[in-house]
Amino acid sequence: MTTKVLTAHVPLPLVERVDQLAARLERPRGWIVKQALMAWIDQEEERRQLTLDALADVDAGHVIDHQAVQVWADRLSTNKPLPLSLLVSRSMNRAARVPGSPLA
């Protein structure tokens, strides 16, 4: 794999943490930084994909209205909380009955 040097100004406390981790793992500082950077990029890419998936669900009408969530949340502190599956099915059924709903 071809590589390229990447330079960044890093706060000294973070450098110290990287150095401590490198010493503990018996790995070079560059390896630690590369692992951290890859993990962060993977996390950000996953976050972006989850956001796009969530927006697609909203566009498709796969949402739960605020009033239904409020009723569900209010029941959490009672002896008979509503199961989450009931909340989802009620909300989907209600949306399907609304004229012009994306689920209709």
N, C-alpha and C. Protein backbone atom coordinates (compact mmCIF):
# COMPACT_ATOMS: atom_id res chain seq x y z
N MET A 1 0.84 -1.17 0.00
CA MET A 1 0.00 0.00 0.00
C MET A 1 0.89 1.24 0.00
N THR A 2 0.61 2.16 -0.89
CA THR A 2 1.34 3.41 -0.94
C THR A 2 0.90 4.28 0.23
N THR A 3 1.83 4.98 0.84
CA THR A 3 1.49 5.82 1.98
C THR A 3 1.95 7.25 1.72
N LYS A 4 1.45 8.15 2.55
CA LYS A 4 1.83 9.56 2.47
C LYS A 4 1.88 10.09 3.89
N VAL A 5 2.83 10.93 4.16
CA VAL A 5 2.96 11.54 5.48
C VAL A 5 1.87 12.60 5.63
N LEU A 6 1.21 12.56 6.76
CA LEU A 6 0.15 13.51 7.08
C LEU A 6 0.57 14.22 8.38
N THR A 7 0.60 15.52 8.35
CA THR A 7 1.06 16.28 9.51
C THR A 7 -0.13 16.97 10.16
N ALA A 8 -0.14 16.99 11.50
CA ALA A 8 -1.21 17.68 12.24
C ALA A 8 -0.63 18.23 13.53
N HIS A 9 -1.10 19.39 13.91
CA HIS A 9 -0.73 19.95 15.21
C HIS A 9 -1.65 19.32 16.24
N VAL A 10 -1.06 18.67 17.23
CA VAL A 10 -1.82 17.92 18.23
C VAL A 10 -1.49 18.49 19.61
N PRO A 11 -2.49 18.72 20.44
CA PRO A 11 -2.22 19.22 21.79
C PRO A 11 -1.31 18.26 22.56
N LEU A 12 -0.41 18.81 23.35
CA LEU A 12 0.56 18.00 24.08
C LEU A 12 -0.09 16.93 24.97
N PRO A 13 -1.19 17.23 25.67
CA PRO A 13 -1.79 16.16 26.48
C PRO A 13 -2.24 14.96 25.64
N LEU A 14 -2.71 15.22 24.43
CA LEU A 14 -3.11 14.12 23.55
C LEU A 14 -1.89 13.35 23.08
N VAL A 15 -0.81 14.05 22.78
CA VAL A 15 0.43 13.38 22.37
C VAL A 15 0.92 12.47 23.50
N GLU A 16 0.83 12.95 24.72
CA GLU A 16 1.25 12.14 25.86
C GLU A 16 0.41 10.87 25.98
N ARG A 17 -0.89 11.01 25.74
CA ARG A 17 -1.77 9.83 25.79
C ARG A 17 -1.43 8.85 24.69
N VAL A 18 -1.16 9.37 23.49
CA VAL A 18 -0.77 8.50 22.37
C VAL A 18 0.53 7.78 22.72
N ASP A 19 1.49 8.52 23.27
CA ASP A 19 2.77 7.91 23.62
C ASP A 19 2.61 6.84 24.70
N GLN A 20 1.75 7.10 25.67
CA GLN A 20 1.51 6.10 26.72
C GLN A 20 0.89 4.84 26.14
N LEU A 21 -0.07 5.04 25.25
CA LEU A 21 -0.72 3.89 24.62
C LEU A 21 0.27 3.12 23.74
N ALA A 22 1.10 3.84 23.02
CA ALA A 22 2.11 3.20 22.16
C ALA A 22 3.07 2.37 23.01
N ALA A 23 3.48 2.92 24.14
CA ALA A 23 4.39 2.18 25.02
C ALA A 23 3.71 0.95 25.59
N ARG A 24 2.46 1.11 26.02
CA ARG A 24 1.74 -0.03 26.61
C ARG A 24 1.51 -1.14 25.60
N LEU A 25 1.21 -0.77 24.36
CA LEU A 25 0.94 -1.76 23.31
C LEU A 25 2.21 -2.19 22.56
N GLU A 26 3.31 -1.53 22.90
CA GLU A 26 4.58 -1.79 22.22
C GLU A 26 4.44 -1.63 20.71
N ARG A 27 3.86 -0.51 20.34
CA ARG A 27 3.65 -0.16 18.94
C ARG A 27 4.19 1.24 18.70
N PRO A 28 4.56 1.56 17.47
CA PRO A 28 5.01 2.92 17.17
C PRO A 28 3.87 3.94 17.27
N ARG A 29 4.23 5.17 17.55
CA ARG A 29 3.25 6.26 17.65
C ARG A 29 2.43 6.35 16.36
N GLY A 30 3.08 6.23 15.21
CA GLY A 30 2.38 6.32 13.93
C GLY A 30 1.31 5.26 13.77
N TRP A 31 1.56 4.06 14.29
CA TRP A 31 0.58 2.97 14.21
C TRP A 31 -0.65 3.33 15.03
N ILE A 32 -0.43 3.88 16.22
CA ILE A 32 -1.55 4.27 17.08
C ILE A 32 -2.39 5.34 16.39
N VAL A 33 -1.74 6.34 15.83
CA VAL A 33 -2.46 7.43 15.17
C VAL A 33 -3.22 6.90 13.96
N LYS A 34 -2.61 6.00 13.19
CA LYS A 34 -3.28 5.43 12.01
C LYS A 34 -4.52 4.64 12.44
N GLN A 35 -4.41 3.84 13.49
CA GLN A 35 -5.55 3.07 13.97
C GLN A 35 -6.68 3.99 14.43
N ALA A 36 -6.33 5.03 15.17
CA ALA A 36 -7.33 5.97 15.66
C ALA A 36 -8.01 6.70 14.51
N LEU A 37 -7.24 7.11 13.53
CA LEU A 37 -7.80 7.82 12.38
C LEU A 37 -8.73 6.91 11.57
N MET A 38 -8.31 5.67 11.36
CA MET A 38 -9.17 4.73 10.62
C MET A 38 -10.48 4.48 11.38
N ALA A 39 -10.38 4.31 12.70
CA ALA A 39 -11.59 4.06 13.49
C ALA A 39 -12.52 5.26 13.45
N TRP A 40 -11.96 6.47 13.53
CA TRP A 40 -12.80 7.67 13.51
C TRP A 40 -13.48 7.83 12.15
N ILE A 41 -12.74 7.61 11.07
CA ILE A 41 -13.33 7.73 9.74
C ILE A 41 -14.42 6.68 9.54
N ASP A 42 -14.17 5.44 9.97
CA ASP A 42 -15.20 4.39 9.89
C ASP A 42 -16.45 4.80 10.65
N GLN A 43 -16.27 5.35 11.84
CA GLN A 43 -17.40 5.78 12.67
C GLN A 43 -18.18 6.91 11.99
N GLU A 44 -17.48 7.87 11.43
CA GLU A 44 -18.15 8.98 10.75
C GLU A 44 -18.89 8.51 9.50
N GLU A 45 -18.31 7.58 8.77
CA GLU A 45 -18.99 7.05 7.59
C GLU A 45 -20.25 6.28 7.99
N GLU A 46 -20.16 5.51 9.07
CA GLU A 46 -21.34 4.80 9.55
C GLU A 46 -22.41 5.78 10.02
N ARG A 47 -22.00 6.81 10.73
CA ARG A 47 -22.95 7.83 11.21
C ARG A 47 -23.66 8.49 10.04
N ARG A 48 -22.92 8.79 8.98
CA ARG A 48 -23.52 9.41 7.80
C ARG A 48 -24.53 8.46 7.15
N GLN A 49 -24.15 7.18 7.04
CA GLN A 49 -25.07 6.22 6.43
C GLN A 49 -26.32 6.05 7.27
N LEU A 50 -26.18 6.00 8.59
CA LEU A 50 -27.35 5.89 9.46
C LEU A 50 -28.25 7.10 9.33
N THR A 51 -27.65 8.28 9.17
CA THR A 51 -28.44 9.49 8.98
C THR A 51 -29.20 9.43 7.66
N LEU A 52 -28.52 9.01 6.59
CA LEU A 52 -29.19 8.88 5.29
C LEU A 52 -30.32 7.86 5.35
N ASP A 53 -30.08 6.74 6.05
CA ASP A 53 -31.13 5.72 6.20
C ASP A 53 -32.32 6.27 6.97
N ALA A 54 -32.05 7.03 8.02
CA ALA A 54 -33.13 7.62 8.82
C ALA A 54 -33.92 8.62 7.99
N LEU A 55 -33.24 9.44 7.21
CA LEU A 55 -33.95 10.40 6.36
C LEU A 55 -34.79 9.69 5.31
N ALA A 56 -34.30 8.57 4.78
CA ALA A 56 -35.09 7.79 3.82
C ALA A 56 -36.34 7.23 4.50
N ASP A 57 -36.21 6.79 5.76
CA ASP A 57 -37.39 6.32 6.50
C ASP A 57 -38.40 7.43 6.67
N VAL A 58 -37.94 8.63 6.98
CA VAL A 58 -38.86 9.77 7.13
C VAL A 58 -39.54 10.05 5.80
N ASP A 59 -38.76 10.07 4.72
CA ASP A 59 -39.34 10.31 3.39
C ASP A 59 -40.37 9.25 3.03
N ALA A 60 -40.17 8.01 3.49
CA ALA A 60 -41.10 6.92 3.20
C ALA A 60 -42.29 6.92 4.16
N GLY A 61 -42.27 7.83 5.14
CA GLY A 61 -43.39 7.90 6.08
C GLY A 61 -43.26 6.95 7.25
N HIS A 62 -42.12 6.35 7.43
CA HIS A 62 -41.91 5.43 8.55
C HIS A 62 -41.53 6.23 9.79
N VAL A 63 -42.51 6.89 10.35
CA VAL A 63 -42.29 7.75 11.51
C VAL A 63 -43.33 7.44 12.58
N ILE A 64 -43.06 7.89 13.77
CA ILE A 64 -44.01 7.77 14.88
C ILE A 64 -44.32 9.18 15.33
N ASP A 65 -45.60 9.52 15.38
CA ASP A 65 -45.94 10.90 15.70
C ASP A 65 -45.64 11.22 17.17
N HIS A 66 -45.48 12.50 17.41
CA HIS A 66 -45.07 12.97 18.74
C HIS A 66 -46.09 12.58 19.81
N GLN A 67 -47.36 12.70 19.52
CA GLN A 67 -48.38 12.39 20.52
C GLN A 67 -48.30 10.92 20.94
N ALA A 68 -48.07 10.02 20.01
CA ALA A 68 -47.95 8.61 20.35
C ALA A 68 -46.73 8.35 21.23
N VAL A 69 -45.63 9.01 20.93
CA VAL A 69 -44.43 8.85 21.74
C VAL A 69 -44.67 9.40 23.14
N GLN A 70 -45.36 10.53 23.24
CA GLN A 70 -45.64 11.13 24.54
C GLN A 70 -46.50 10.21 25.40
N VAL A 71 -47.52 9.60 24.80
CA VAL A 71 -48.37 8.66 25.54
C VAL A 71 -47.54 7.48 26.02
N TRP A 72 -46.71 6.95 25.15
CA TRP A 72 -45.84 5.82 25.50
C TRP A 72 -44.90 6.21 26.64
N ALA A 73 -44.26 7.39 26.52
CA ALA A 73 -43.31 7.84 27.55
C ALA A 73 -44.01 8.06 28.88
N ASP A 74 -45.19 8.64 28.85
CA ASP A 74 -45.95 8.87 30.10
C ASP A 74 -46.27 7.57 30.81
N ARG A 75 -46.47 6.51 30.06
CA ARG A 75 -46.82 5.22 30.66
C ARG A 75 -45.61 4.47 31.21
N LEU A 76 -44.41 4.92 30.89
CA LEU A 76 -43.21 4.22 31.36
C LEU A 76 -43.12 4.22 32.88
N SER A 77 -43.61 5.25 33.52
CA SER A 77 -43.51 5.34 34.98
C SER A 77 -44.70 4.71 35.70
N THR A 78 -45.56 4.03 34.98
CA THR A 78 -46.72 3.38 35.59
C THR A 78 -46.43 1.89 35.76
N ASN A 79 -47.37 1.20 36.38
CA ASN A 79 -47.23 -0.25 36.54
C ASN A 79 -47.53 -1.00 35.25
N LYS A 80 -48.10 -0.33 34.27
CA LYS A 80 -48.45 -0.98 33.00
C LYS A 80 -47.93 -0.17 31.81
N PRO A 81 -46.61 -0.16 31.62
CA PRO A 81 -46.08 0.58 30.47
C PRO A 81 -46.47 -0.11 29.16
N LEU A 82 -46.61 0.70 28.12
CA LEU A 82 -46.94 0.15 26.81
C LEU A 82 -45.68 -0.43 26.18
N PRO A 83 -45.78 -1.59 25.56
CA PRO A 83 -44.60 -2.13 24.86
C PRO A 83 -44.29 -1.27 23.63
N LEU A 84 -43.05 -1.15 23.32
CA LEU A 84 -42.64 -0.34 22.18
C LEU A 84 -43.26 -0.85 20.88
N SER A 85 -43.42 -2.15 20.74
CA SER A 85 -44.00 -2.70 19.52
C SER A 85 -45.43 -2.21 19.32
N LEU A 86 -46.16 -2.03 20.41
CA LEU A 86 -47.53 -1.52 20.32
C LEU A 86 -47.53 -0.08 19.84
N LEU A 87 -46.59 0.71 20.32
CA LEU A 87 -46.45 2.09 19.89
C LEU A 87 -46.22 2.17 18.39
N VAL A 88 -45.32 1.34 17.90
CA VAL A 88 -44.99 1.36 16.47
C VAL A 88 -46.19 0.92 15.64
N SER A 89 -46.85 -0.16 16.04
CA SER A 89 -47.98 -0.65 15.24
C SER A 89 -49.14 0.33 15.26
N ARG A 90 -49.42 0.95 16.41
CA ARG A 90 -50.51 1.93 16.48
C ARG A 90 -50.21 3.14 15.61
N SER A 91 -48.98 3.60 15.66
CA SER A 91 -48.61 4.77 14.89
C SER A 91 -48.68 4.47 13.40
N MET A 92 -48.22 3.29 12.98
CA MET A 92 -48.26 2.92 11.58
C MET A 92 -49.71 2.79 11.10
N ASN A 93 -50.56 2.19 11.93
CA ASN A 93 -51.97 2.05 11.56
C ASN A 93 -52.63 3.41 11.45
N ARG A 94 -52.33 4.32 12.40
CA ARG A 94 -52.91 5.65 12.38
C ARG A 94 -52.46 6.39 11.13
N ALA A 95 -51.19 6.29 10.78
CA ALA A 95 -50.67 6.97 9.60
C ALA A 95 -51.31 6.41 8.32
N ALA A 96 -51.57 5.12 8.31
CA ALA A 96 -52.16 4.50 7.13
C ALA A 96 -53.59 4.98 6.90
N ARG A 97 -54.28 5.41 7.98
CA ARG A 97 -55.67 5.86 7.84
C ARG A 97 -55.77 7.35 7.50
N VAL A 98 -54.66 8.07 7.60
CA VAL A 98 -54.70 9.49 7.33
C VAL A 98 -54.63 9.73 5.83
N PRO A 99 -55.65 10.42 5.27
CA PRO A 99 -55.61 10.69 3.83
C PRO A 99 -54.36 11.48 3.47
N GLY A 100 -53.71 11.09 2.40
CA GLY A 100 -52.51 11.76 1.94
C GLY A 100 -51.25 11.30 2.65
N SER A 101 -51.39 10.36 3.61
CA SER A 101 -50.22 9.85 4.32
C SER A 101 -49.37 9.06 3.35
N PRO A 102 -48.05 9.14 3.48
CA PRO A 102 -47.18 8.36 2.60
C PRO A 102 -47.38 6.85 2.78
N LEU A 103 -47.97 6.44 3.92
CA LEU A 103 -48.19 5.02 4.14
C LEU A 103 -49.55 4.57 3.63
N ALA A 104 -50.39 5.48 3.22
CA ALA A 104 -51.74 5.12 2.78
C ALA A 104 -51.71 4.39 1.46
